[in-house]
Amino acid sequence: MTAMTTQAPGLPHGRPLTRADLDALDPDDGHRYELIDGVLIVSPAPRHIHQRALGNLHLVLRAAATDAVEVLFAPFDVALADDTVMQPDLLVAEREAFTARDLPTAPLLAIEVLSPSTRGIDLLLKKDRLERAGCANYWVVDPDEPSVTAWALAEGAFRQVARAIGEEGFEVADPFPIRFTPASLIV
């Protein structure tokens, strides 16, 4: 697993990190730097199949989205707390919720495309943190299978609402109606 939690040079030791610490780091090394509950998460550049699935899903979402929402791909900060700044692979939020710098609230939809280096982080840490923040919908795309799994927030907890593999139809109504097949994301 290449993604790591680490202490980077110049960052304080012995306390949870904050957004100010992350801003001071300002690396330009091709990695993604995120904070989850004060812990630095560093991920390498994604694989080709990851980027293909991400790009194709972005096009599908943009075509289906209403004018009231914005669909963005990483890197773009979702600032859930002073100690939690994430960059979902794709996010959907109401247009007026964005600031010039970030999305200072939970998105309507956060999507992660799994990579070998981030699988555990996406399925455990990010999913849990987005659930606690009140993110309405969370999807995980596995480009190797290919599959898409969707969870929706109900009574404060994520519940699986859809899953499709290969040529099966993936269909949800929130945050807007959409239908596609996981296989179409990797062609």
N, C-alpha and C. Protein backbone atom coordinates (compact mmCIF):
# COMPACT_ATOMS: atom_id res chain seq x y z
N MET A 1 0.85 -1.17 0.00
CA MET A 1 0.00 0.00 0.00
C MET A 1 0.89 1.23 0.00
N THR A 2 0.71 2.10 -0.98
CA THR A 2 1.57 3.26 -1.13
C THR A 2 1.06 4.47 -0.37
N ALA A 3 -0.27 4.63 -0.23
CA ALA A 3 -0.79 5.75 0.55
C ALA A 3 -0.32 5.58 1.99
N MET A 4 -0.04 6.68 2.64
CA MET A 4 0.51 6.56 3.98
C MET A 4 0.03 7.70 4.86
N THR A 5 0.02 7.40 6.14
CA THR A 5 -0.13 8.47 7.11
C THR A 5 1.27 8.73 7.61
N THR A 6 1.65 9.98 7.70
CA THR A 6 3.05 10.28 7.99
C THR A 6 3.20 11.63 8.64
N GLN A 7 4.36 11.88 9.17
CA GLN A 7 4.76 13.20 9.62
C GLN A 7 5.67 13.75 8.53
N ALA A 8 5.28 14.81 7.91
CA ALA A 8 6.09 15.42 6.87
C ALA A 8 7.03 16.44 7.51
N PRO A 9 8.20 16.63 6.92
CA PRO A 9 9.12 17.63 7.46
C PRO A 9 8.44 19.00 7.55
N GLY A 10 8.68 19.68 8.67
CA GLY A 10 8.11 21.01 8.85
C GLY A 10 6.75 21.02 9.52
N LEU A 11 6.11 19.85 9.68
CA LEU A 11 4.82 19.79 10.35
C LEU A 11 5.01 19.52 11.83
N PRO A 12 4.11 20.03 12.66
CA PRO A 12 4.24 19.83 14.10
C PRO A 12 4.07 18.37 14.49
N HIS A 13 4.71 17.98 15.55
CA HIS A 13 4.59 16.63 16.09
C HIS A 13 3.80 16.67 17.39
N GLY A 14 3.13 15.58 17.71
CA GLY A 14 2.49 15.46 19.01
C GLY A 14 1.12 16.07 19.14
N ARG A 15 0.52 16.51 18.04
CA ARG A 15 -0.84 17.03 18.09
C ARG A 15 -1.50 16.78 16.75
N PRO A 16 -2.84 16.75 16.73
CA PRO A 16 -3.52 16.62 15.44
C PRO A 16 -3.19 17.80 14.54
N LEU A 17 -3.09 17.54 13.27
CA LEU A 17 -2.81 18.60 12.31
C LEU A 17 -4.07 19.37 11.98
N THR A 18 -3.89 20.59 11.51
CA THR A 18 -5.01 21.46 11.15
C THR A 18 -4.88 21.88 9.69
N ARG A 19 -5.90 22.54 9.22
CA ARG A 19 -5.86 23.07 7.86
C ARG A 19 -4.72 24.06 7.69
N ALA A 20 -4.45 24.86 8.71
CA ALA A 20 -3.33 25.80 8.63
C ALA A 20 -2.01 25.07 8.45
N ASP A 21 -1.84 23.94 9.12
CA ASP A 21 -0.63 23.13 8.94
C ASP A 21 -0.54 22.62 7.51
N LEU A 22 -1.67 22.14 6.98
CA LEU A 22 -1.70 21.63 5.61
C LEU A 22 -1.39 22.75 4.61
N ASP A 23 -1.95 23.93 4.84
CA ASP A 23 -1.68 25.07 3.96
C ASP A 23 -0.21 25.46 3.99
N ALA A 24 0.42 25.37 5.15
CA ALA A 24 1.83 25.74 5.28
C ALA A 24 2.73 24.75 4.56
N LEU A 25 2.29 23.51 4.46
CA LEU A 25 3.08 22.47 3.79
C LEU A 25 3.21 22.77 2.30
N ASP A 26 2.08 23.03 1.62
CA ASP A 26 2.03 23.42 0.22
C ASP A 26 3.02 22.67 -0.69
N PRO A 27 2.97 21.33 -0.70
CA PRO A 27 3.91 20.57 -1.54
C PRO A 27 3.52 20.62 -3.02
N ASP A 28 4.48 20.40 -3.86
CA ASP A 28 4.24 20.31 -5.30
C ASP A 28 4.98 19.08 -5.82
N ASP A 29 4.54 17.92 -5.33
CA ASP A 29 5.26 16.68 -5.65
C ASP A 29 4.40 15.63 -6.35
N GLY A 30 3.19 16.01 -6.80
CA GLY A 30 2.34 15.07 -7.52
C GLY A 30 1.50 14.18 -6.62
N HIS A 31 1.63 14.30 -5.31
CA HIS A 31 0.82 13.53 -4.37
C HIS A 31 -0.39 14.33 -3.93
N ARG A 32 -1.40 13.62 -3.42
CA ARG A 32 -2.57 14.28 -2.85
C ARG A 32 -2.41 14.28 -1.33
N TYR A 33 -2.58 15.45 -0.72
CA TYR A 33 -2.46 15.61 0.73
C TYR A 33 -3.83 15.95 1.30
N GLU A 34 -4.30 15.12 2.23
CA GLU A 34 -5.59 15.33 2.86
C GLU A 34 -5.43 15.16 4.37
N LEU A 35 -6.36 15.73 5.12
CA LEU A 35 -6.42 15.54 6.57
C LEU A 35 -7.73 14.87 6.92
N ILE A 36 -7.64 13.84 7.74
CA ILE A 36 -8.85 13.21 8.27
C ILE A 36 -8.67 13.12 9.77
N ASP A 37 -9.47 13.88 10.49
CA ASP A 37 -9.40 13.94 11.95
C ASP A 37 -7.99 14.23 12.43
N GLY A 38 -7.30 15.16 11.77
CA GLY A 38 -5.99 15.60 12.19
C GLY A 38 -4.83 14.73 11.74
N VAL A 39 -5.11 13.68 10.97
CA VAL A 39 -4.07 12.77 10.47
C VAL A 39 -3.82 13.07 9.00
N LEU A 40 -2.55 13.23 8.65
CA LEU A 40 -2.18 13.51 7.27
C LEU A 40 -2.24 12.22 6.45
N ILE A 41 -2.95 12.29 5.32
CA ILE A 41 -3.05 11.17 4.39
C ILE A 41 -2.39 11.62 3.09
N VAL A 42 -1.38 10.88 2.64
CA VAL A 42 -0.65 11.21 1.43
C VAL A 42 -0.86 10.08 0.43
N SER A 43 -1.37 10.42 -0.75
CA SER A 43 -1.65 9.41 -1.77
C SER A 43 -0.87 9.72 -3.03
N PRO A 44 -0.37 8.68 -3.70
CA PRO A 44 0.37 8.89 -4.94
C PRO A 44 -0.56 9.24 -6.10
N ALA A 45 0.01 9.64 -7.20
CA ALA A 45 -0.78 9.89 -8.41
C ALA A 45 -1.51 8.61 -8.80
N PRO A 46 -2.74 8.72 -9.28
CA PRO A 46 -3.53 7.54 -9.62
C PRO A 46 -3.08 6.86 -10.91
N ARG A 47 -3.55 5.62 -11.07
CA ARG A 47 -3.27 4.82 -12.27
C ARG A 47 -4.12 5.30 -13.44
N HIS A 48 -3.75 4.86 -14.63
CA HIS A 48 -4.46 5.20 -15.86
C HIS A 48 -5.93 4.79 -15.80
N ILE A 49 -6.23 3.56 -15.36
CA ILE A 49 -7.62 3.08 -15.32
C ILE A 49 -8.45 3.91 -14.33
N HIS A 50 -7.84 4.36 -13.26
CA HIS A 50 -8.51 5.24 -12.30
C HIS A 50 -8.93 6.53 -12.98
N GLN A 51 -8.01 7.14 -13.71
CA GLN A 51 -8.29 8.41 -14.38
C GLN A 51 -9.31 8.25 -15.50
N ARG A 52 -9.26 7.14 -16.20
CA ARG A 52 -10.27 6.88 -17.24
C ARG A 52 -11.65 6.79 -16.62
N ALA A 53 -11.80 5.98 -15.56
CA ALA A 53 -13.10 5.84 -14.89
C ALA A 53 -13.57 7.18 -14.34
N LEU A 54 -12.65 7.92 -13.74
CA LEU A 54 -12.98 9.23 -13.18
C LEU A 54 -13.46 10.20 -14.26
N GLY A 55 -12.74 10.28 -15.36
CA GLY A 55 -13.12 11.18 -16.45
C GLY A 55 -14.46 10.82 -17.06
N ASN A 56 -14.67 9.53 -17.30
CA ASN A 56 -15.95 9.10 -17.89
C ASN A 56 -17.11 9.33 -16.93
N LEU A 57 -16.90 9.06 -15.64
CA LEU A 57 -17.98 9.30 -14.68
C LEU A 57 -18.28 10.79 -14.55
N HIS A 58 -17.26 11.63 -14.61
CA HIS A 58 -17.48 13.07 -14.58
C HIS A 58 -18.38 13.50 -15.73
N LEU A 59 -18.13 12.99 -16.93
CA LEU A 59 -18.96 13.33 -18.09
C LEU A 59 -20.40 12.87 -17.90
N VAL A 60 -20.59 11.67 -17.37
CA VAL A 60 -21.94 11.12 -17.14
C VAL A 60 -22.68 11.98 -16.11
N LEU A 61 -21.99 12.33 -15.03
CA LEU A 61 -22.62 13.14 -13.99
C LEU A 61 -22.98 14.53 -14.50
N ARG A 62 -22.05 15.16 -15.22
CA ARG A 62 -22.32 16.51 -15.76
C ARG A 62 -23.52 16.50 -16.69
N ALA A 63 -23.66 15.46 -17.49
CA ALA A 63 -24.78 15.38 -18.42
C ALA A 63 -26.12 15.22 -17.69
N ALA A 64 -26.11 14.59 -16.53
CA ALA A 64 -27.34 14.32 -15.79
C ALA A 64 -27.66 15.38 -14.74
N ALA A 65 -26.68 16.16 -14.34
CA ALA A 65 -26.85 17.12 -13.25
C ALA A 65 -27.80 18.25 -13.61
N THR A 66 -28.46 18.75 -12.59
CA THR A 66 -29.32 19.92 -12.76
C THR A 66 -28.46 21.18 -12.70
N ASP A 67 -29.02 22.30 -13.10
CA ASP A 67 -28.30 23.57 -13.05
C ASP A 67 -28.03 24.04 -11.62
N ALA A 68 -28.74 23.47 -10.65
CA ALA A 68 -28.59 23.91 -9.26
C ALA A 68 -27.34 23.35 -8.59
N VAL A 69 -26.71 22.35 -9.23
CA VAL A 69 -25.53 21.72 -8.61
C VAL A 69 -24.30 21.87 -9.48
N GLU A 70 -23.16 21.72 -8.84
CA GLU A 70 -21.86 21.75 -9.51
C GLU A 70 -21.21 20.38 -9.32
N VAL A 71 -20.60 19.86 -10.38
CA VAL A 71 -19.87 18.60 -10.34
C VAL A 71 -18.40 18.93 -10.54
N LEU A 72 -17.57 18.62 -9.54
CA LEU A 72 -16.14 18.92 -9.62
C LEU A 72 -15.32 17.67 -9.34
N PHE A 73 -14.11 17.62 -9.92
CA PHE A 73 -13.20 16.52 -9.62
C PHE A 73 -11.97 17.05 -8.89
N ALA A 74 -11.28 16.14 -8.22
CA ALA A 74 -10.10 16.50 -7.43
C ALA A 74 -9.00 17.04 -8.33
N PRO A 75 -8.17 17.89 -7.77
CA PRO A 75 -8.17 18.31 -6.37
C PRO A 75 -9.05 19.52 -6.12
N PHE A 76 -9.95 19.40 -5.19
CA PHE A 76 -10.73 20.52 -4.68
C PHE A 76 -11.09 20.19 -3.23
N ASP A 77 -10.80 21.11 -2.33
CA ASP A 77 -10.96 20.85 -0.90
C ASP A 77 -12.42 20.83 -0.46
N VAL A 78 -12.73 19.82 0.35
CA VAL A 78 -13.97 19.75 1.10
C VAL A 78 -13.54 19.89 2.56
N ALA A 79 -13.82 21.04 3.16
CA ALA A 79 -13.38 21.35 4.51
C ALA A 79 -14.49 21.02 5.50
N LEU A 80 -14.41 19.83 6.07
CA LEU A 80 -15.46 19.36 6.98
C LEU A 80 -15.25 19.87 8.40
N ALA A 81 -14.02 20.19 8.75
CA ALA A 81 -13.67 20.72 10.07
C ALA A 81 -12.26 21.27 9.97
N ASP A 82 -11.80 21.92 11.03
CA ASP A 82 -10.44 22.47 11.00
C ASP A 82 -9.40 21.37 10.86
N ASP A 83 -9.73 20.15 11.31
CA ASP A 83 -8.79 19.04 11.23
C ASP A 83 -9.13 18.04 10.13
N THR A 84 -10.07 18.38 9.26
CA THR A 84 -10.48 17.45 8.20
C THR A 84 -10.71 18.21 6.90
N VAL A 85 -9.78 18.02 5.97
CA VAL A 85 -9.86 18.61 4.64
C VAL A 85 -9.63 17.47 3.64
N MET A 86 -10.69 17.10 2.94
CA MET A 86 -10.62 15.96 2.01
C MET A 86 -10.73 16.46 0.58
N GLN A 87 -10.32 15.60 -0.34
CA GLN A 87 -10.46 15.88 -1.77
C GLN A 87 -11.03 14.65 -2.45
N PRO A 88 -12.37 14.47 -2.39
CA PRO A 88 -12.96 13.33 -3.08
C PRO A 88 -12.62 13.37 -4.57
N ASP A 89 -12.54 12.21 -5.19
CA ASP A 89 -12.25 12.17 -6.62
C ASP A 89 -13.29 12.98 -7.40
N LEU A 90 -14.56 12.84 -7.04
CA LEU A 90 -15.64 13.64 -7.61
C LEU A 90 -16.55 14.09 -6.48
N LEU A 91 -17.11 15.28 -6.63
CA LEU A 91 -18.07 15.73 -5.65
C LEU A 91 -19.16 16.52 -6.34
N VAL A 92 -20.34 16.45 -5.73
CA VAL A 92 -21.51 17.18 -6.21
C VAL A 92 -22.06 17.96 -5.02
N ALA A 93 -22.28 19.25 -5.22
CA ALA A 93 -22.85 20.11 -4.18
C ALA A 93 -23.65 21.22 -4.84
N GLU A 94 -24.53 21.82 -4.06
CA GLU A 94 -25.28 22.96 -4.57
C GLU A 94 -24.31 24.07 -4.92
N ARG A 95 -24.55 24.73 -6.04
CA ARG A 95 -23.64 25.78 -6.53
C ARG A 95 -23.35 26.85 -5.48
N GLU A 96 -24.37 27.27 -4.75
CA GLU A 96 -24.17 28.36 -3.79
C GLU A 96 -23.43 27.90 -2.53
N ALA A 97 -23.19 26.61 -2.36
CA ALA A 97 -22.47 26.12 -1.19
C ALA A 97 -20.96 26.32 -1.30
N PHE A 98 -20.45 26.50 -2.52
CA PHE A 98 -19.01 26.63 -2.73
C PHE A 98 -18.52 28.04 -2.39
N THR A 99 -17.29 28.10 -1.89
CA THR A 99 -16.57 29.37 -1.79
C THR A 99 -15.52 29.33 -2.90
N ALA A 100 -14.80 30.41 -3.07
CA ALA A 100 -13.74 30.42 -4.07
C ALA A 100 -12.64 29.42 -3.73
N ARG A 101 -12.49 29.12 -2.46
CA ARG A 101 -11.41 28.25 -2.00
C ARG A 101 -11.80 26.79 -1.83
N ASP A 102 -13.04 26.54 -1.37
CA ASP A 102 -13.40 25.18 -0.98
C ASP A 102 -14.91 24.98 -0.92
N LEU A 103 -15.29 23.77 -0.52
CA LEU A 103 -16.66 23.47 -0.14
C LEU A 103 -16.63 23.33 1.38
N PRO A 104 -17.18 24.30 2.13
CA PRO A 104 -17.06 24.28 3.59
C PRO A 104 -18.13 23.46 4.30
N THR A 105 -18.67 22.50 3.64
CA THR A 105 -19.72 21.65 4.19
C THR A 105 -19.67 20.29 3.49
N ALA A 106 -20.43 19.36 3.99
CA ALA A 106 -20.49 18.05 3.34
C ALA A 106 -21.17 18.17 1.98
N PRO A 107 -20.65 17.48 0.98
CA PRO A 107 -21.29 17.52 -0.34
C PRO A 107 -22.59 16.72 -0.37
N LEU A 108 -23.36 16.92 -1.42
CA LEU A 108 -24.54 16.07 -1.65
C LEU A 108 -24.11 14.67 -2.04
N LEU A 109 -22.98 14.59 -2.76
CA LEU A 109 -22.43 13.31 -3.23
C LEU A 109 -20.92 13.42 -3.26
N ALA A 110 -20.26 12.44 -2.65
CA ALA A 110 -18.81 12.29 -2.76
C ALA A 110 -18.55 10.93 -3.40
N ILE A 111 -17.59 10.90 -4.33
CA ILE A 111 -17.27 9.66 -5.04
C ILE A 111 -15.77 9.43 -4.97
N GLU A 112 -15.40 8.20 -4.68
CA GLU A 112 -14.00 7.79 -4.73
C GLU A 112 -13.87 6.65 -5.74
N VAL A 113 -12.84 6.73 -6.56
CA VAL A 113 -12.47 5.65 -7.48
C VAL A 113 -11.33 4.91 -6.80
N LEU A 114 -11.54 3.63 -6.55
CA LEU A 114 -10.56 2.86 -5.79
C LEU A 114 -9.27 2.64 -6.55
N SER A 115 -8.18 2.70 -5.82
CA SER A 115 -6.85 2.35 -6.30
C SER A 115 -6.27 1.38 -5.28
N PRO A 116 -5.32 0.56 -5.67
CA PRO A 116 -4.71 -0.33 -4.67
C PRO A 116 -4.15 0.44 -3.48
N SER A 117 -3.62 1.63 -3.72
CA SER A 117 -2.99 2.40 -2.65
C SER A 117 -3.98 3.13 -1.74
N THR A 118 -5.24 3.28 -2.16
CA THR A 118 -6.19 4.05 -1.35
C THR A 118 -7.44 3.27 -0.97
N ARG A 119 -7.53 2.02 -1.35
CA ARG A 119 -8.74 1.21 -1.14
C ARG A 119 -9.23 1.27 0.32
N GLY A 120 -8.37 0.98 1.27
CA GLY A 120 -8.77 0.99 2.68
C GLY A 120 -9.16 2.36 3.16
N ILE A 121 -8.44 3.37 2.74
CA ILE A 121 -8.76 4.74 3.14
C ILE A 121 -10.13 5.14 2.61
N ASP A 122 -10.41 4.81 1.34
CA ASP A 122 -11.69 5.18 0.73
C ASP A 122 -12.87 4.42 1.35
N LEU A 123 -12.68 3.13 1.60
CA LEU A 123 -13.78 2.30 2.10
C LEU A 123 -13.99 2.42 3.60
N LEU A 124 -12.98 2.86 4.32
CA LEU A 124 -13.11 2.95 5.77
C LEU A 124 -13.04 4.39 6.27
N LEU A 125 -11.88 5.01 6.20
CA LEU A 125 -11.70 6.33 6.78
C LEU A 125 -12.57 7.41 6.14
N LYS A 126 -12.49 7.52 4.82
CA LYS A 126 -13.27 8.57 4.14
C LYS A 126 -14.76 8.33 4.27
N LYS A 127 -15.17 7.09 4.09
CA LYS A 127 -16.60 6.78 4.20
C LYS A 127 -17.11 7.14 5.59
N ASP A 128 -16.38 6.74 6.63
CA ASP A 128 -16.79 7.05 7.99
C ASP A 128 -16.84 8.55 8.25
N ARG A 129 -15.82 9.26 7.79
CA ARG A 129 -15.76 10.71 8.07
C ARG A 129 -16.85 11.46 7.32
N LEU A 130 -17.13 11.06 6.09
CA LEU A 130 -18.21 11.69 5.34
C LEU A 130 -19.57 11.39 5.96
N GLU A 131 -19.74 10.18 6.44
CA GLU A 131 -20.98 9.81 7.14
C GLU A 131 -21.17 10.69 8.37
N ARG A 132 -20.13 10.86 9.19
CA ARG A 132 -20.22 11.69 10.40
C ARG A 132 -20.49 13.16 10.06
N ALA A 133 -20.04 13.60 8.89
CA ALA A 133 -20.23 14.99 8.48
C ALA A 133 -21.62 15.24 7.89
N GLY A 134 -22.36 14.17 7.61
CA GLY A 134 -23.70 14.34 7.05
C GLY A 134 -23.76 14.37 5.54
N CYS A 135 -22.76 13.81 4.87
CA CYS A 135 -22.78 13.70 3.41
C CYS A 135 -23.97 12.83 3.01
N ALA A 136 -24.81 13.33 2.13
CA ALA A 136 -26.05 12.63 1.78
C ALA A 136 -25.82 11.33 1.01
N ASN A 137 -24.80 11.30 0.14
CA ASN A 137 -24.56 10.13 -0.71
C ASN A 137 -23.06 9.91 -0.87
N TYR A 138 -22.65 8.64 -0.87
CA TYR A 138 -21.26 8.27 -1.07
C TYR A 138 -21.20 7.08 -2.02
N TRP A 139 -20.41 7.22 -3.08
CA TRP A 139 -20.24 6.13 -4.05
C TRP A 139 -18.78 5.74 -4.09
N VAL A 140 -18.56 4.45 -4.34
CA VAL A 140 -17.22 3.93 -4.57
C VAL A 140 -17.23 3.18 -5.90
N VAL A 141 -16.29 3.56 -6.75
CA VAL A 141 -16.13 2.91 -8.06
C VAL A 141 -14.90 2.03 -8.00
N ASP A 142 -15.04 0.77 -8.36
CA ASP A 142 -13.90 -0.13 -8.46
C ASP A 142 -13.65 -0.38 -9.94
N PRO A 143 -12.67 0.29 -10.54
CA PRO A 143 -12.46 0.16 -11.98
C PRO A 143 -11.91 -1.21 -12.38
N ASP A 144 -11.33 -1.94 -11.44
CA ASP A 144 -10.77 -3.25 -11.76
C ASP A 144 -11.86 -4.30 -11.92
N GLU A 145 -12.99 -4.16 -11.21
CA GLU A 145 -14.05 -5.17 -11.27
C GLU A 145 -14.88 -5.10 -12.55
N PRO A 146 -15.34 -4.15 -13.17
CA PRO A 146 -15.70 -2.82 -12.67
C PRO A 146 -17.04 -2.87 -11.93
N SER A 147 -17.16 -2.02 -10.91
CA SER A 147 -18.40 -1.95 -10.13
C SER A 147 -18.57 -0.56 -9.55
N VAL A 148 -19.81 -0.28 -9.18
CA VAL A 148 -20.14 0.95 -8.46
C VAL A 148 -21.06 0.56 -7.31
N THR A 149 -20.74 1.05 -6.12
CA THR A 149 -21.57 0.84 -4.94
C THR A 149 -21.96 2.20 -4.40
N ALA A 150 -23.24 2.36 -4.06
CA ALA A 150 -23.75 3.64 -3.55
C ALA A 150 -24.36 3.46 -2.18
N TRP A 151 -24.04 4.41 -1.31
CA TRP A 151 -24.66 4.48 0.01
C TRP A 151 -25.37 5.82 0.12
N ALA A 152 -26.49 5.83 0.85
CA ALA A 152 -27.21 7.07 1.14
C ALA A 152 -27.36 7.19 2.65
N LEU A 153 -27.32 8.42 3.14
CA LEU A 153 -27.43 8.68 4.56
C LEU A 153 -28.89 8.55 4.98
N ALA A 154 -29.15 7.72 5.97
CA ALA A 154 -30.50 7.54 6.53
C ALA A 154 -30.37 7.42 8.03
N GLU A 155 -31.01 8.32 8.75
CA GLU A 155 -30.96 8.33 10.21
C GLU A 155 -29.52 8.36 10.72
N GLY A 156 -28.67 9.16 10.06
CA GLY A 156 -27.31 9.37 10.50
C GLY A 156 -26.31 8.29 10.11
N ALA A 157 -26.73 7.31 9.32
CA ALA A 157 -25.83 6.23 8.93
C ALA A 157 -25.97 5.93 7.44
N PHE A 158 -24.85 5.56 6.82
CA PHE A 158 -24.90 5.16 5.41
C PHE A 158 -25.55 3.79 5.28
N ARG A 159 -26.46 3.69 4.32
CA ARG A 159 -27.11 2.42 3.97
C ARG A 159 -26.89 2.21 2.48
N GLN A 160 -26.47 1.00 2.11
CA GLN A 160 -26.26 0.71 0.69
C GLN A 160 -27.60 0.77 -0.04
N VAL A 161 -27.64 1.56 -1.13
CA VAL A 161 -28.87 1.73 -1.89
C VAL A 161 -28.77 1.21 -3.31
N ALA A 162 -27.55 0.99 -3.80
CA ALA A 162 -27.39 0.47 -5.16
C ALA A 162 -26.01 -0.14 -5.31
N ARG A 163 -25.94 -1.15 -6.16
CA ARG A 163 -24.65 -1.76 -6.52
C ARG A 163 -24.83 -2.41 -7.88
N ALA A 164 -23.85 -2.20 -8.75
CA ALA A 164 -23.89 -2.82 -10.07
C ALA A 164 -22.47 -3.23 -10.45
N ILE A 165 -22.38 -4.31 -11.21
CA ILE A 165 -21.10 -4.86 -11.67
C ILE A 165 -21.17 -5.02 -13.18
N GLY A 166 -20.09 -4.65 -13.85
CA GLY A 166 -19.96 -4.88 -15.29
C GLY A 166 -21.03 -4.18 -16.11
N GLU A 167 -21.81 -4.97 -16.84
CA GLU A 167 -22.86 -4.43 -17.72
C GLU A 167 -24.19 -4.22 -17.02
N GLU A 168 -24.27 -4.51 -15.72
CA GLU A 168 -25.51 -4.27 -14.99
C GLU A 168 -25.77 -2.77 -14.92
N GLY A 169 -27.04 -2.41 -14.89
CA GLY A 169 -27.40 -1.00 -14.79
C GLY A 169 -27.26 -0.49 -13.36
N PHE A 170 -26.53 0.60 -13.19
CA PHE A 170 -26.45 1.30 -11.91
C PHE A 170 -27.43 2.46 -12.00
N GLU A 171 -28.36 2.53 -11.05
CA GLU A 171 -29.40 3.56 -11.11
C GLU A 171 -29.71 4.08 -9.72
N VAL A 172 -29.70 5.41 -9.59
CA VAL A 172 -30.08 6.08 -8.35
C VAL A 172 -30.89 7.32 -8.69
N ALA A 173 -31.62 7.83 -7.69
CA ALA A 173 -32.43 9.03 -7.88
C ALA A 173 -31.81 10.26 -7.25
N ASP A 174 -30.88 10.07 -6.31
CA ASP A 174 -30.29 11.20 -5.59
C ASP A 174 -28.79 11.25 -5.81
N PRO A 175 -28.20 12.42 -5.96
CA PRO A 175 -28.80 13.74 -5.82
C PRO A 175 -29.59 14.18 -7.04
N PHE A 176 -29.55 13.38 -8.12
CA PHE A 176 -30.39 13.58 -9.30
C PHE A 176 -30.47 12.22 -9.99
N PRO A 177 -31.52 11.98 -10.77
CA PRO A 177 -31.65 10.67 -11.43
C PRO A 177 -30.51 10.44 -12.41
N ILE A 178 -29.95 9.22 -12.35
CA ILE A 178 -28.86 8.87 -13.25
C ILE A 178 -28.83 7.35 -13.42
N ARG A 179 -28.44 6.94 -14.62
CA ARG A 179 -28.32 5.50 -14.91
C ARG A 179 -27.15 5.32 -15.86
N PHE A 180 -26.29 4.33 -15.57
CA PHE A 180 -25.17 3.96 -16.42
C PHE A 180 -24.70 2.57 -16.01
N THR A 181 -23.78 2.01 -16.77
CA THR A 181 -23.20 0.73 -16.39
C THR A 181 -21.75 0.95 -15.94
N PRO A 182 -21.30 0.20 -14.95
CA PRO A 182 -19.90 0.33 -14.53
C PRO A 182 -18.92 0.07 -15.69
N ALA A 183 -19.23 -0.86 -16.55
CA ALA A 183 -18.34 -1.19 -17.67
C ALA A 183 -18.12 0.02 -18.59
N SER A 184 -19.13 0.88 -18.69
CA SER A 184 -19.00 2.06 -19.57
C SER A 184 -17.98 3.06 -19.06
N LEU A 185 -17.59 2.96 -17.81
CA LEU A 185 -16.64 3.90 -17.22
C LEU A 185 -15.20 3.60 -17.58
N ILE A 186 -14.93 2.38 -18.05
CA ILE A 186 -13.54 2.02 -18.30
C ILE A 186 -13.22 1.77 -19.77
N VAL A 187 -14.16 2.10 -20.66
CA VAL A 187 -13.90 1.92 -22.11
C VAL A 187 -13.29 3.16 -22.70
